Amino acid sequence: MTHVLQGIWAEDGAAVAAADIPKAVTAGRLVYADGAAQVFAGDGKTTYTERGGDSAGEWYVDDQGWFCSFWPPSYRACYALRWIVEDTRIVGLRFTGLNDGVTFDGRYE
C-alpha cells in the first residue's frame, strides 16, 4: 500500500466515506482470497487478473456514494466498501454487493 491513505483514520469494518473511495481503491494492488488481483487506476480503469488472464473494466462512484464497476459488454455491479484494519493500520477493503449481499475482501499487496 502506498502513502495515499495517510491521514485517513479508519476502524475495522467502518464504511469508506464516498469522498475516500477513489483513494481507497487506487491506494495499491488488491489481492483476493482466491489469488486473483485487481488494480484500480485514477482514470476510472481497472484490471482484474485471475489465473494469468486479465480483464479490463471501469470503476466509478455513483450519485449515492456507492462504489460501482462495469465490465463490458453489460455487467454492472455496485458495492458498499468497508475498511479492513489490523493494529490501527488499513490493510484492505471489504466489498459487499448491493444486489446480492456477497462479500469479498481485497488486501493491499
Protein backbone atom coordinates (compact mmCIF):
# COMPACT_ATOMS: atom_id res chain seq x y z
CA MET A 1 0.00 0.00 0.00
CA THR A 2 1.19 3.49 -0.71
CA HIS A 3 1.17 6.66 1.33
CA VAL A 4 -2.15 7.64 -0.33
CA LEU A 5 -4.12 6.58 2.76
CA GLN A 6 -2.04 8.56 5.25
CA GLY A 7 -4.29 10.91 7.13
CA ILE A 8 -7.36 8.66 6.85
CA TRP A 9 -8.37 7.32 10.22
CA ALA A 10 -10.47 4.18 9.99
CA GLU A 11 -11.84 1.49 12.25
CA ASP A 12 -12.12 -2.11 11.15
CA GLY A 13 -15.48 -2.62 9.46
CA ALA A 14 -16.27 1.09 9.17
CA ALA A 15 -17.83 2.29 5.93
CA VAL A 16 -15.49 4.01 3.48
CA ALA A 17 -16.80 7.56 3.00
CA ALA A 18 -17.76 8.33 -0.60
CA ALA A 19 -15.09 11.05 -0.75
CA ASP A 20 -12.43 8.49 0.26
CA ILE A 21 -13.41 5.75 -2.21
CA PRO A 22 -11.09 6.95 -5.01
CA LYS A 23 -8.13 6.99 -2.59
CA ALA A 24 -9.12 3.64 -1.10
CA VAL A 25 -9.35 1.72 -4.36
CA THR A 26 -6.30 3.29 -6.02
CA ALA A 27 -4.02 3.00 -2.94
CA GLY A 28 -2.49 -0.25 -4.15
CA ARG A 29 -3.00 -3.57 -5.83
CA LEU A 30 -5.68 -5.63 -4.10
CA VAL A 31 -5.28 -9.39 -3.73
CA TYR A 32 -8.32 -11.57 -3.04
CA ALA A 33 -8.56 -14.85 -1.10
CA ASP A 34 -8.73 -16.90 -4.31
CA GLY A 35 -5.43 -15.44 -5.53
CA ALA A 36 -6.96 -13.07 -8.05
CA ALA A 37 -5.72 -9.48 -8.01
CA GLN A 38 -7.05 -6.13 -9.13
CA VAL A 39 -5.61 -2.72 -9.85
CA PHE A 40 -7.77 0.41 -9.95
CA ALA A 41 -6.35 3.41 -11.81
CA GLY A 42 -7.18 7.03 -11.06
CA ASP A 43 -8.71 7.46 -14.53
CA GLY A 44 -11.54 5.01 -13.75
CA LYS A 45 -9.99 1.96 -15.42
CA THR A 46 -9.46 -1.35 -13.65
CA THR A 47 -7.68 -4.59 -14.49
CA TYR A 48 -8.66 -7.87 -12.84
CA THR A 49 -6.10 -10.67 -13.07
CA GLU A 50 -7.07 -14.28 -12.49
CA ARG A 51 -5.08 -17.40 -13.40
CA GLY A 52 -2.74 -15.35 -15.58
CA GLY A 53 -5.53 -13.75 -17.61
CA ASP A 54 -6.50 -10.09 -17.46
CA SER A 55 -9.88 -8.49 -17.96
CA ALA A 56 -10.39 -4.75 -18.29
CA GLY A 57 -13.25 -2.82 -16.75
CA GLU A 58 -14.18 0.55 -15.34
CA TRP A 59 -15.00 1.83 -11.88
CA TYR A 60 -16.77 4.90 -10.52
CA VAL A 61 -18.57 6.32 -7.51
CA ASP A 62 -22.28 6.71 -8.26
CA ASP A 63 -24.58 9.58 -7.26
CA GLN A 64 -25.46 7.87 -3.98
CA GLY A 65 -21.83 7.37 -2.99
CA TRP A 66 -21.53 3.66 -3.79
CA PHE A 67 -18.51 2.10 -5.46
CA CYS A 68 -19.54 0.60 -8.81
CA SER A 69 -17.80 -1.34 -11.55
CA PHE A 70 -18.64 -2.02 -15.17
CA TRP A 71 -17.34 -4.96 -17.19
CA PRO A 72 -18.14 -4.78 -20.90
CA PRO A 73 -20.32 -5.55 -22.57
CA SER A 74 -23.04 -5.35 -19.91
CA TYR A 75 -22.09 -6.39 -16.36
CA ARG A 76 -22.52 -3.63 -13.80
CA ALA A 77 -22.43 -4.00 -10.01
CA CYS A 78 -22.29 -1.65 -7.04
CA TYR A 79 -20.81 -2.32 -3.63
CA ALA A 80 -20.66 -0.98 -0.11
CA LEU A 81 -16.99 -0.61 0.87
CA ARG A 82 -15.67 -1.13 4.39
CA TRP A 83 -12.17 -0.79 5.73
CA ILE A 84 -10.13 -3.78 6.88
CA VAL A 85 -7.91 -2.53 9.70
CA GLU A 86 -5.36 -4.51 11.72
CA ASP A 87 -3.36 -2.99 14.57
CA THR A 88 -4.59 0.51 13.59
CA ARG A 89 -3.26 0.05 10.03
CA ILE A 90 -5.51 -0.06 6.96
CA VAL A 91 -4.71 -3.35 5.21
CA GLY A 92 -7.57 -3.76 2.75
CA LEU A 93 -11.15 -3.30 1.68
CA ARG A 94 -14.29 -5.39 2.13
CA PHE A 95 -16.73 -5.26 -0.78
CA THR A 96 -20.39 -6.15 -0.23
CA GLY A 97 -22.63 -6.37 -3.29
CA LEU A 98 -25.69 -4.16 -3.01
CA ASN A 99 -27.83 -6.51 -5.11
CA ASP A 100 -26.69 -9.91 -3.86
CA GLY A 101 -25.04 -9.25 -0.47
CA VAL A 102 -21.99 -11.27 -1.48
CA THR A 103 -18.91 -10.13 0.45
CA PHE A 104 -15.27 -10.46 -0.51
CA ASP A 105 -12.08 -8.98 0.87
CA GLY A 106 -9.19 -7.41 -1.00
CA ARG A 107 -5.90 -6.90 0.80
CA TYR A 108 -3.33 -4.37 -0.30
CA GLU A 109 -0.22 -6.03 -1.60
